[in-house]
PDB file of N, CA and C in Angstrom:
ATOM      1  N   UNK A   1      83.480 103.554  87.442  1.00  0.00           N
ATOM      2  CA  UNK A   1      82.919 104.676  88.076  1.00  0.00           C
ATOM      3  C   UNK A   1      82.943 104.581  89.899  1.00  0.00           C
ATOM      4  N   UNK A   2      83.796 105.146  90.434  1.00  0.00           N
ATOM      5  CA  UNK A   2      84.131 105.309  91.662  1.00  0.00           C
ATOM      6  C   UNK A   2      82.678 105.550  92.761  1.00  0.00           C
ATOM      7  N   UNK A   3      82.247 104.856  93.595  1.00  0.00           N
ATOM      8  CA  UNK A   3      81.346 105.124  94.479  1.00  0.00           C
ATOM      9  C   UNK A   3      81.416 106.351  95.491  1.00  0.00           C
ATOM     10  N   UNK A   4      80.679 106.904  95.443  1.00  0.00           N
ATOM     11  CA  UNK A   4      80.909 108.506  96.233  1.00  0.00           C
ATOM     12  C   UNK A   4      80.750 108.128  97.539  1.00  0.00           C
ATOM     13  N   UNK A   5      79.900 107.724  98.096  1.00  0.00           N
ATOM     14  CA  UNK A   5      79.382 107.560  99.580  1.00  0.00           C
ATOM     15  C   UNK A   5      80.237 106.556 100.445  1.00  0.00           C
ATOM     16  N   UNK A   6      79.878 106.355 101.636  1.00  0.00           N
ATOM     17  CA  UNK A   6      80.148 105.356 102.353  1.00  0.00           C
ATOM     18  C   UNK A   6      81.542 105.959 103.076  1.00  0.00           C
ATOM     19  N   UNK A   7      82.029 105.156 103.824  1.00  0.00           N
ATOM     20  CA  UNK A   7      83.416 105.408 104.486  1.00  0.00           C
ATOM     21  C   UNK A   7      84.578 105.096 103.808  1.00  0.00           C
ATOM     22  N   UNK A   8      84.649 104.500 102.780  1.00  0.00           N
ATOM     23  CA  UNK A   8      85.716 103.427 102.250  1.00  0.00           C
ATOM     24  C   UNK A   8      86.275 102.657 102.752  1.00  0.00           C
ATOM     25  N   UNK A   9      85.462 102.088 103.969  1.00  0.00           N
ATOM     26  CA  UNK A   9      85.900 100.699 104.103  1.00  0.00           C
ATOM     27  C   UNK A   9      86.276  99.734 103.635  1.00  0.00           C
ATOM     28  N   UNK A  10      87.043  98.854 103.643  1.00  0.00           N
ATOM     29  CA  UNK A  10      87.484  97.552 102.695  1.00  0.00           C
ATOM     30  C   UNK A  10      85.793  96.797 102.619  1.00  0.00           C
ATOM     31  N   UNK A  11      84.960  96.252 101.706  1.00  0.00           N
ATOM     32  CA  UNK A  11      84.062  95.613 101.098  1.00  0.00           C
ATOM     33  C   UNK A  11      84.476  94.451 100.744  1.00  0.00           C
ATOM     34  N   UNK A  12      84.092  93.171 101.386  1.00  0.00           N
ATOM     35  CA  UNK A  12      84.054  92.096 100.387  1.00  0.00           C
ATOM     36  C   UNK A  12      82.868  91.310 100.945  1.00  0.00           C
ATOM     37  N   UNK A  13      82.856  89.944  99.956  1.00  0.00           N
ATOM     38  CA  UNK A  13      81.355  89.140 100.051  1.00  0.00           C
ATOM     39  C   UNK A  13      81.794  88.057  99.395  1.00  0.00           C
ATOM     40  N   UNK A  14      81.609  87.098 100.635  1.00  0.00           N
ATOM     41  CA  UNK A  14      81.748  85.516 100.179  1.00  0.00           C
ATOM     42  C   UNK A  14      80.679  85.019 100.554  1.00  0.00           C
ATOM     43  N   UNK A  15      80.217  84.383  99.152  1.00  0.00           N
ATOM     44  CA  UNK A  15      79.452  83.112  99.127  1.00  0.00           C
ATOM     45  C   UNK A  15      79.534  81.928  98.833  1.00  0.00           C
ATOM     46  N   UNK A  16      79.488  80.978 100.242  1.00  0.00           N
ATOM     47  CA  UNK A  16      79.777  79.689 100.157  1.00  0.00           C
ATOM     48  C   UNK A  16      78.526  78.563  99.928  1.00  0.00           C
ATOM     49  N   UNK A  17      78.525  77.980  98.955  1.00  0.00           N
ATOM     50  CA  UNK A  17      77.532  76.767  98.587  1.00  0.00           C
ATOM     51  C   UNK A  17      75.974  77.292  98.534  1.00  0.00           C
ATOM     52  N   UNK A  18      75.904  78.748  98.525  1.00  0.00           N
ATOM     53  CA  UNK A  18      74.598  79.692  98.637  1.00  0.00           C
ATOM     54  C   UNK A  18      73.785  79.085  99.874  1.00  0.00           C
ATOM     55  N   UNK A  19      74.365  78.585 100.919  1.00  0.00           N
ATOM     56  CA  UNK A  19      74.185  78.539 102.488  1.00  0.00           C
ATOM     57  C   UNK A  19      75.032  79.488 103.363  1.00  0.00           C
ATOM     58  N   UNK A  20      75.821  80.353 102.699  1.00  0.00           N
ATOM     59  CA  UNK A  20      76.405  81.198 104.119  1.00  0.00           C
ATOM     60  C   UNK A  20      77.242  82.079 102.979  1.00  0.00           C
ATOM     61  N   UNK A  21      76.800  83.493 103.674  1.00  0.00           N
ATOM     62  CA  UNK A  21      77.199  84.669 102.964  1.00  0.00           C
ATOM     63  C   UNK A  21      78.221  85.475 104.311  1.00  0.00           C
ATOM     64  N   UNK A  22      79.132  85.916 103.857  1.00  0.00           N
ATOM     65  CA  UNK A  22      80.195  86.533 104.865  1.00  0.00           C
ATOM     66  C   UNK A  22      80.465  87.971 103.983  1.00  0.00           C
ATOM     67  N   UNK A  23      79.813  89.514 104.594  1.00  0.00           N
ATOM     68  CA  UNK A  23      80.238  90.698 104.315  1.00  0.00           C
ATOM     69  C   UNK A  23      80.957  91.330 105.205  1.00  0.00           C
ATOM     70  N   UNK A  24      81.886  92.087 104.614  1.00  0.00           N
ATOM     71  CA  UNK A  24      82.537  93.195 105.439  1.00  0.00           C
ATOM     72  C   UNK A  24      82.444  94.323 105.007  1.00  0.00           C
ATOM     73  N   UNK A  25      82.533  95.402 105.863  1.00  0.00           N
ATOM     74  CA  UNK A  25      82.379  96.375 105.575  1.00  0.00           C
ATOM     75  C   UNK A  25      80.653  97.184 105.481  1.00  0.00           C
ATOM     76  N   UNK A  26      80.391  96.369 106.350  1.00  0.00           N
ATOM     77  CA  UNK A  26      78.571  96.416 106.837  1.00  0.00           C
ATOM     78  C   UNK A  26      78.901  97.975 107.677  1.00  0.00           C
ATOM     79  N   UNK A  27      78.136  98.587 107.480  1.00  0.00           N
ATOM     80  CA  UNK A  27      77.622 100.014 108.276  1.00  0.00           C
ATOM     81  C   UNK A  27      76.605 100.083 109.267  1.00  0.00           C
ATOM     82  N   UNK A  28      75.865  99.312 108.632  1.00  0.00           N
ATOM     83  CA  UNK A  28      74.085  99.192 109.101  1.00  0.00           C
ATOM     84  C   UNK A  28      73.581  98.037 108.661  1.00  0.00           C
ATOM     85  N   UNK A  29      72.376  97.649 109.271  1.00  0.00           N
ATOM     86  CA  UNK A  29      71.434  96.684 109.029  1.00  0.00           C
ATOM     87  C   UNK A  29      69.780  97.775 109.196  1.00  0.00           C
ATOM     88  N   UNK A  30      69.407  97.700 108.005  1.00  0.00           N
ATOM     89  CA  UNK A  30      68.392  98.723 107.890  1.00  0.00           C
ATOM     90  C   UNK A  30      67.014  97.383 108.060  1.00  0.00           C
ATOM     91  N   UNK A  31      66.631  96.386 107.813  1.00  0.00           N
ATOM     92  CA  UNK A  31      65.504  95.743 108.157  1.00  0.00           C
ATOM     93  C   UNK A  31      66.090  94.275 107.629  1.00  0.00           C
ATOM     94  N   UNK A  32      65.553  92.947 108.242  1.00  0.00           N
ATOM     95  CA  UNK A  32      65.552  91.793 108.215  1.00  0.00           C
ATOM     96  C   UNK A  32      64.571  90.854 108.211  1.00  0.00           C
ATOM     97  N   UNK A  33      64.309  90.002 107.540  1.00  0.00           N
ATOM     98  CA  UNK A  33      63.271  88.979 107.935  1.00  0.00           C
ATOM     99  C   UNK A  33      63.783  87.606 107.543  1.00  0.00           C
ATOM    100  N   UNK A  34      63.031  86.558 107.557  1.00  0.00           N
ATOM    101  CA  UNK A  34      63.438  85.222 107.108  1.00  0.00           C
ATOM    102  C   UNK A  34      63.861  85.262 105.386  1.00  0.00           C
ATOM    103  N   UNK A  35      62.936  86.159 104.772  1.00  0.00           N
ATOM    104  CA  UNK A  35      63.217  86.394 103.216  1.00  0.00           C
ATOM    105  C   UNK A  35      63.973  87.338 102.860  1.00  0.00           C
ATOM    106  N   UNK A  36      64.530  88.221 103.688  1.00  0.00           N
ATOM    107  CA  UNK A  36      65.557  89.301 103.020  1.00  0.00           C
ATOM    108  C   UNK A  36      65.927  90.023 103.926  1.00  0.00           C
ATOM    109  N   UNK A  37      67.332  90.714 103.738  1.00  0.00           N
ATOM    110  CA  UNK A  37      68.239  91.259 104.979  1.00  0.00           C
ATOM    111  C   UNK A  37      68.430  92.537 103.662  1.00  0.00           C
ATOM    112  N   UNK A  38      68.284  93.832 104.544  1.00  0.00           N
ATOM    113  CA  UNK A  38      68.885  95.137 103.673  1.00  0.00           C
ATOM    114  C   UNK A  38      70.042  95.969 104.510  1.00  0.00           C
ATOM    115  N   UNK A  39      71.108  96.180 103.978  1.00  0.00           N
ATOM    116  CA  UNK A  39      72.245  96.948 104.770  1.00  0.00           C
ATOM    117  C   UNK A  39      72.744  97.686 104.226  1.00  0.00           C
ATOM    118  N   UNK A  40      73.033  98.380 104.718  1.00  0.00           N
ATOM    119  CA  UNK A  40      74.217  99.266 104.350  1.00  0.00           C
ATOM    120  C   UNK A  40      76.149  98.700 104.286  1.00  0.00           C
ATOM    121  N   UNK A  41      76.487  99.445 103.441  1.00  0.00           N
ATOM    122  CA  UNK A  41      77.741  98.946 103.430  1.00  0.00           C
ATOM    123  C   UNK A  41      78.595 100.562 102.844  1.00  0.00           C
ATOM    124  N   UNK A  42      79.730 100.342 102.822  1.00  0.00           N
ATOM    125  CA  UNK A  42      80.818 101.052 102.575  1.00  0.00           C
ATOM    126  C   UNK A  42      80.913 101.313 101.137  1.00  0.00           C
ATOM    127  N   UNK A  43      80.149 100.062 100.460  1.00  0.00           N
ATOM    128  CA  UNK A  43      80.111 100.288  99.228  1.00  0.00           C
ATOM    129  C   UNK A  43      78.357 100.750  98.378  1.00  0.00           C
ATOM    130  N   UNK A  44      77.767 101.124  99.174  1.00  0.00           N
ATOM    131  CA  UNK A  44      76.121 101.288  99.059  1.00  0.00           C
ATOM    132  C   UNK A  44      75.473 100.206  99.452  1.00  0.00           C
ATOM    133  N   UNK A  45      73.948 100.294  99.274  1.00  0.00           N
ATOM    134  CA  UNK A  45      73.052  99.308  99.812  1.00  0.00           C
ATOM    135  C   UNK A  45      72.728  98.461  99.113  1.00  0.00           C
ATOM    136  N   UNK A  46      72.942  97.358 100.375  1.00  0.00           N
ATOM    137  CA  UNK A  46      72.949  95.663  99.381  1.00  0.00           C
ATOM    138  C   UNK A  46      71.746  95.064 100.211  1.00  0.00           C
ATOM    139  N   UNK A  47      71.311  94.484  99.376  1.00  0.00           N
ATOM    140  CA  UNK A  47      70.072  93.478  99.774  1.00  0.00           C
ATOM    141  C   UNK A  47      70.421  92.068  99.405  1.00  0.00           C
ATOM    142  N   UNK A  48      69.875  91.215 100.141  1.00  0.00           N
ATOM    143  CA  UNK A  48      70.248  89.557 100.096  1.00  0.00           C
ATOM    144  C   UNK A  48      68.778  88.979 100.322  1.00  0.00           C
ATOM    145  N   UNK A  49      68.244  88.336  99.294  1.00  0.00           N
ATOM    146  CA  UNK A  49      67.367  87.617  99.240  1.00  0.00           C
ATOM    147  C   UNK A  49      67.045  86.117  99.198  1.00  0.00           C
ATOM    148  N   UNK A  50      66.673  85.436  99.888  1.00  0.00           N
ATOM    149  CA  UNK A  50      66.241  83.865  99.991  1.00  0.00           C
ATOM    150  C   UNK A  50      65.359  83.468 101.096  1.00  0.00           C
ATOM    151  N   UNK A  51      65.511  82.653 101.441  1.00  0.00           N
ATOM    152  CA  UNK A  51      64.350  81.842 102.398  1.00  0.00           C
ATOM    153  C   UNK A  51      65.265  81.320 103.841  1.00  0.00           C
ATOM    154  N   UNK A  52      64.529  81.192 104.634  1.00  0.00           N
ATOM    155  CA  UNK A  52      65.333  80.786 106.346  1.00  0.00           C
ATOM    156  C   UNK A  52      66.644  81.686 106.093  1.00  0.00           C
ATOM    157  N   UNK A  53      66.701  82.834 105.954  1.00  0.00           N
ATOM    158  CA  UNK A  53      67.949  83.541 106.203  1.00  0.00           C
ATOM    159  C   UNK A  53      67.843  84.355 107.687  1.00  0.00           C
ATOM    160  N   UNK A  54      69.487  84.050 108.372  1.00  0.00           N
ATOM    161  CA  UNK A  54      69.452  84.035 109.814  1.00  0.00           C
ATOM    162  C   UNK A  54      70.596  84.757 109.708  1.00  0.00           C
ATOM    163  N   UNK A  55      70.996  85.965 110.823  1.00  0.00           N
ATOM    164  CA  UNK A  55      71.750  86.491 110.807  1.00  0.00           C
ATOM    165  C   UNK A  55      72.610  85.629 112.190  1.00  0.00           C
ATOM    166  N   UNK A  56      73.698  85.138 111.861  1.00  0.00           N
ATOM    167  CA  UNK A  56      74.768  84.387 112.658  1.00  0.00           C
ATOM    168  C   UNK A  56      75.473  85.253 113.688  1.00  0.00           C
ATOM    169  N   UNK A  57      75.704  86.334 113.041  1.00  0.00           N
ATOM    170  CA  UNK A  57      77.096  87.304 113.480  1.00  0.00           C
ATOM    171  C   UNK A  57      76.806  88.375 112.450  1.00  0.00           C
ATOM    172  N   UNK A  58      76.772  89.528 113.713  1.00  0.00           N
ATOM    173  CA  UNK A  58      77.044  90.883 112.885  1.00  0.00           C
ATOM    174  C   UNK A  58      77.750  91.927 113.968  1.00  0.00           C
ATOM    175  N   UNK A  59      78.741  92.345 113.659  1.00  0.00           N
ATOM    176  CA  UNK A  59      79.296  93.328 114.247  1.00  0.00           C
ATOM    177  C   UNK A  59      79.758  94.631 113.766  1.00  0.00           C
ATOM    178  N   UNK A  60      78.877  95.616 114.012  1.00  0.00           N
ATOM    179  CA  UNK A  60      79.000  96.764 113.391  1.00  0.00           C
ATOM    180  C   UNK A  60      80.116  97.313 113.481  1.00  0.00           C
ATOM    181  N   UNK A  61      81.031  97.415 114.826  1.00  0.00           N
ATOM    182  CA  UNK A  61      82.063  98.155 115.140  1.00  0.00           C
ATOM    183  C   UNK A  61      83.195  97.355 114.235  1.00  0.00           C
ATOM    184  N   UNK A  62      83.049  96.269 113.748  1.00  0.00           N
ATOM    185  CA  UNK A  62      84.087  95.905 112.854  1.00  0.00           C
ATOM    186  C   UNK A  62      83.708  95.495 111.453  1.00  0.00           C
ATOM    187  N   UNK A  63      82.578  96.043 111.693  1.00  0.00           N
ATOM    188  CA  UNK A  63      81.794  96.016 110.139  1.00  0.00           C
ATOM    189  C   UNK A  63      81.940  94.618 109.220  1.00  0.00           C
ATOM    190  N   UNK A  64      81.288  93.289 110.258  1.00  0.00           N
ATOM    191  CA  UNK A  64      80.871  92.527 109.456  1.00  0.00           C
ATOM    192  C   UNK A  64      79.892  91.497 109.861  1.00  0.00           C
ATOM    193  N   UNK A  65      79.440  90.778 108.728  1.00  0.00           N
ATOM    194  CA  UNK A  65      78.134  90.110 108.974  1.00  0.00           C
ATOM    195  C   UNK A  65      78.163  88.768 108.310  1.00  0.00           C
ATOM    196  N   UNK A  66      77.704  88.088 109.274  1.00  0.00           N
ATOM    197  CA  UNK A  66      77.725  86.724 108.602  1.00  0.00           C
ATOM    198  C   UNK A  66      76.054  85.999 108.509  1.00  0.00           C
ATOM    199  N   UNK A  67      75.476  85.766 107.339  1.00  0.00           N
ATOM    200  CA  UNK A  67      74.207  84.686 107.280  1.00  0.00           C
ATOM    201  C   UNK A  67      74.141  83.614 107.100  1.00  0.00           C
ATOM    202  N   UNK A  68      73.419  82.915 107.406  1.00  0.00           N
ATOM    203  CA  UNK A  68      73.291  81.505 107.531  1.00  0.00           C
ATOM    204  C   UNK A  68      71.418  81.276 106.518  1.00  0.00           C
ATOM    205  N   UNK A  69      71.502  80.839 105.270  1.00  0.00           N
ATOM    206  CA  UNK A  69      70.154  80.173 105.269  1.00  0.00           C
ATOM    207  C   UNK A  69      70.292  79.941 103.491  1.00  0.00           C
ATOM    208  N   UNK A  70      69.122  79.847 102.896  1.00  0.00           N
ATOM    209  CA  UNK A  70      69.126  79.550 101.486  1.00  0.00           C
ATOM    210  C   UNK A  70      69.126  80.926 100.556  1.00  0.00           C
ATOM    211  N   UNK A  71      70.208  81.068 100.183  1.00  0.00           N
ATOM    212  CA  UNK A  71      70.512  82.184  99.615  1.00  0.00           C
ATOM    213  C   UNK A  71      69.987  82.469  98.352  1.00  0.00           C
ATOM    214  N   UNK A  72      69.203  83.500  97.644  1.00  0.00           N
ATOM    215  CA  UNK A  72      68.595  83.452  96.334  1.00  0.00           C
ATOM    216  C   UNK A  72      69.604  84.448  95.408  1.00  0.00           C
ATOM    217  N   UNK A  73      69.791  85.428  95.818  1.00  0.00           N
ATOM    218  CA  UNK A  73      70.486  86.706  95.442  1.00  0.00           C
ATOM    219  C   UNK A  73      70.747  87.769  96.402  1.00  0.00           C
ATOM    220  N   UNK A  74      72.212  88.121  95.813  1.00  0.00           N
ATOM    221  CA  UNK A  74      72.714  89.574  96.539  1.00  0.00           C
ATOM    222  C   UNK A  74      72.838  90.774  95.418  1.00  0.00           C
ATOM    223  N   UNK A  75      72.127  91.622  95.532  1.00  0.00           N
ATOM    224  CA  UNK A  75      72.153  92.863  94.668  1.00  0.00           C
ATOM    225  C   UNK A  75      72.555  94.055  95.401  1.00  0.00           C
ATOM    226  N   UNK A  76      72.701  94.915  94.500  1.00  0.00           N
ATOM    227  CA  UNK A  76      72.961  96.385  95.349  1.00  0.00           C
ATOM    228  C   UNK A  76      72.371  97.159  94.732  1.00  0.00           C
ATOM    229  N   UNK A  77      71.612  98.216  95.521  1.00  0.00           N
ATOM    230  CA  UNK A  77      70.565  99.342  95.281  1.00  0.00           C
ATOM    231  C   UNK A  77      71.304 100.682  95.079  1.00  0.00           C
ATOM    232  N   UNK A  78      70.457 101.885  94.347  1.00  0.00           N
ATOM    233  CA  UNK A  78      70.968 102.701  94.061  1.00  0.00           C
ATOM    234  C   UNK A  78      70.831 103.721  95.283  1.00  0.00           C
ATOM    235  N   UNK A  79      71.516 104.432  95.531  1.00  0.00           N
ATOM    236  CA  UNK A  79      71.507 105.550  97.011  1.00  0.00           C
ATOM    237  C   UNK A  79      70.625 106.271  96.760  1.00  0.00           C
ATOM    238  N   UNK A  80      69.717 106.154  97.870  1.00  0.00           N
ATOM    239  CA  UNK A  80      68.217 106.957  97.568  1.00  0.00           C
ATOM    240  C   UNK A  80      68.508 108.236  98.413  1.00  0.00           C
ATOM    241  N   UNK A  81      69.566 108.639  99.186  1.00  0.00           N
ATOM    242  CA  UNK A  81      69.562 110.050  99.864  1.00  0.00           C
ATOM    243  C   UNK A  81      70.101 109.415 101.313  1.00  0.00           C
ATOM    244  N   UNK A  82      70.268 110.651 101.948  1.00  0.00           N
ATOM    245  CA  UNK A  82      70.884 110.409 103.466  1.00  0.00           C
ATOM    246  C   UNK A  82      70.056 109.280 104.031  1.00  0.00           C
ATOM    247  N   UNK A  83      71.083 108.379 104.916  1.00  0.00           N
ATOM    248  CA  UNK A  83      70.167 107.053 105.437  1.00  0.00           C
ATOM    249  C   UNK A  83      69.667 107.720 106.933  1.00  0.00           C
ATOM    250  N   UNK A  84      68.364 107.028 107.115  1.00  0.00           N
ATOM    251  CA  UNK A  84      67.808 107.834 108.177  1.00  0.00           C
ATOM    252  C   UNK A  84      68.192 106.993 109.205  1.00  0.00           C
ATOM    253  N   UNK A  85      68.998 105.802 109.515  1.00  0.00           N
ATOM    254  CA  UNK A  85      69.187 105.065 110.479  1.00  0.00           C
ATOM    255  C   UNK A  85      68.491 103.741 110.329  1.00  0.00           C
ATOM    256  N   UNK A  86      69.423 102.763 110.771  1.00  0.00           N
ATOM    257  CA  UNK A  86      68.420 101.615 110.656  1.00  0.00           C
ATOM    258  C   UNK A  86      68.250 100.739 111.984  1.00  0.00           C
ATOM    259  N   UNK A  87      67.693  99.577 111.480  1.00  0.00           N
ATOM    260  CA  UNK A  87      67.204  98.992 113.019  1.00  0.00           C
ATOM    261  C   UNK A  87      68.001  99.079 114.032  1.00  0.00           C
ATOM    262  N   UNK A  88      69.102  98.815 114.276  1.00  0.00           N
ATOM    263  CA  UNK A  88      70.012  98.657 114.993  1.00  0.00           C
ATOM    264  C   UNK A  88      70.450 100.093 115.601  1.00  0.00           C
ATOM    265  N   UNK A  89      70.706 101.351 114.641  1.00  0.00           N
ATOM    266  CA  UNK A  89      70.632 102.520 115.173  1.00  0.00           C
ATOM    267  C   UNK A  89      70.149 102.809 116.012  1.00  0.00           C
ATOM    268  N   UNK A  90      68.399 102.556 115.486  1.00  0.00           N
ATOM    269  CA  UNK A  90      67.404 103.236 116.510  1.00  0.00           C
ATOM    270  C   UNK A  90      67.241 102.382 117.659  1.00  0.00           C
ATOM    271  N   UNK A  91      67.653 101.149 117.613  1.00  0.00           N
ATOM    272  CA  UNK A  91      67.807 100.563 119.217  1.00  0.00           C
ATOM    273  C   UNK A  91      68.493 100.791 119.799  1.00  0.00           C
ATOM    274  N   UNK A  92      69.640 101.315 119.609  1.00  0.00           N
ATOM    275  CA  UNK A  92      71.064 101.497 120.607  1.00  0.00           C
ATOM    276  C   UNK A  92      70.829 102.778 120.861  1.00  0.00           C
ATOM    277  N   UNK A  93      69.423 103.896 120.522  1.00  0.00           N
ATOM    278  CA  UNK A  93      69.572 105.236 120.649  1.00  0.00           C
ATOM    279  C   UNK A  93      69.244 105.756 122.005  1.00  0.00           C
TER     280      UNK A  93
END
Protein backbone atom coordinates (compact mmCIF):
# COMPACT_ATOMS: atom_id res chain seq x y z
CA UNK A 1 0.00 0.00 0.00
CA UNK A 2 1.48 3.35 -1.02
CA UNK A 3 1.54 6.32 1.32
CA UNK A 4 -0.69 9.07 -0.07
CA UNK A 5 0.62 12.05 1.93
CA UNK A 6 3.91 13.93 1.94
CA UNK A 7 6.11 15.26 -0.82
CA UNK A 8 7.49 11.95 -2.01
CA UNK A 9 11.02 12.99 -1.01
CA UNK A 10 13.36 10.06 -0.34
CA UNK A 11 13.02 8.75 3.20
CA UNK A 12 15.77 6.79 4.93
CA UNK A 13 16.29 5.79 8.55
CA UNK A 14 19.66 4.63 9.90
CA UNK A 15 20.18 3.58 13.52
CA UNK A 16 23.72 2.96 14.71
CA UNK A 17 24.27 0.99 17.94
CA UNK A 18 20.96 2.40 19.32
CA UNK A 19 22.94 5.59 20.09
CA UNK A 20 22.63 7.53 16.83
CA UNK A 21 19.68 8.00 14.47
CA UNK A 22 19.82 9.66 11.05
CA UNK A 23 16.58 10.38 9.16
CA UNK A 24 16.11 11.86 5.68
CA UNK A 25 12.84 13.09 4.22
CA UNK A 26 12.07 15.15 7.35
CA UNK A 27 9.48 17.86 6.73
CA UNK A 28 8.94 19.23 10.25
CA UNK A 29 9.65 18.58 13.93
CA UNK A 30 6.36 18.68 15.81
CA UNK A 31 7.79 18.45 19.33
CA UNK A 32 10.77 17.11 21.20
CA UNK A 33 12.23 16.60 24.65
CA UNK A 34 14.81 14.25 26.16
CA UNK A 35 12.46 11.24 26.00
CA UNK A 36 10.68 11.63 22.64
CA UNK A 37 10.82 13.36 19.28
CA UNK A 38 7.76 13.61 17.03
CA UNK A 39 8.40 14.55 13.42
CA UNK A 40 6.68 14.65 10.05
CA UNK A 41 8.42 12.82 7.24
CA UNK A 42 7.68 12.32 3.56
CA UNK A 43 6.31 8.88 4.56
CA UNK A 44 4.20 9.89 7.57
CA UNK A 45 4.47 10.89 11.22
CA UNK A 46 7.39 9.32 13.09
CA UNK A 47 7.95 9.01 16.84
CA UNK A 48 11.40 8.39 18.31
CA UNK A 49 11.41 7.32 21.97
CA UNK A 50 14.33 6.92 24.33
CA UNK A 51 16.38 8.68 26.98
CA UNK A 52 18.78 11.62 26.80
CA UNK A 53 17.72 12.36 23.21
CA UNK A 54 19.35 15.40 21.64
CA UNK A 55 18.94 16.78 18.14
CA UNK A 56 22.50 17.09 16.86
CA UNK A 57 21.62 18.29 13.36
CA UNK A 58 18.43 19.55 11.74
CA UNK A 59 18.14 20.79 8.18
CA UNK A 60 14.53 21.22 7.07
CA UNK A 61 15.74 22.60 3.72
CA UNK A 62 17.60 19.35 3.08
CA UNK A 63 15.17 17.20 5.08
CA UNK A 64 17.87 15.75 7.35
CA UNK A 65 17.81 15.04 11.08
CA UNK A 66 20.44 13.51 13.33
CA UNK A 67 19.63 12.43 16.89
CA UNK A 68 22.02 11.23 19.60
CA UNK A 69 20.99 9.45 22.80
CA UNK A 70 19.65 6.11 24.03
CA UNK A 71 17.12 5.09 21.36
CA UNK A 72 14.44 2.68 22.55
CA UNK A 73 12.03 2.74 19.59
CA UNK A 74 11.12 4.31 16.27
CA UNK A 75 7.52 4.06 15.11
CA UNK A 76 5.16 5.54 12.56
CA UNK A 77 1.69 6.88 13.38
CA UNK A 78 -1.45 7.14 11.32
CA UNK A 79 -1.95 10.54 9.69
CA UNK A 80 -4.51 12.40 11.82
CA UNK A 81 -5.37 14.98 9.16
CA UNK A 82 -3.86 18.25 7.98
CA UNK A 83 -0.73 19.33 9.81
CA UNK A 84 -1.04 22.38 12.03
CA UNK A 85 2.65 23.17 11.77
CA UNK A 86 5.37 22.07 14.10
CA UNK A 87 7.52 23.85 16.61
CA UNK A 88 10.02 25.18 14.06
CA UNK A 89 7.40 26.29 11.55
CA UNK A 90 5.62 28.28 14.27
CA UNK A 91 8.94 29.71 15.49
CA UNK A 92 9.95 30.94 12.03
CA UNK A 93 6.65 32.65 11.19
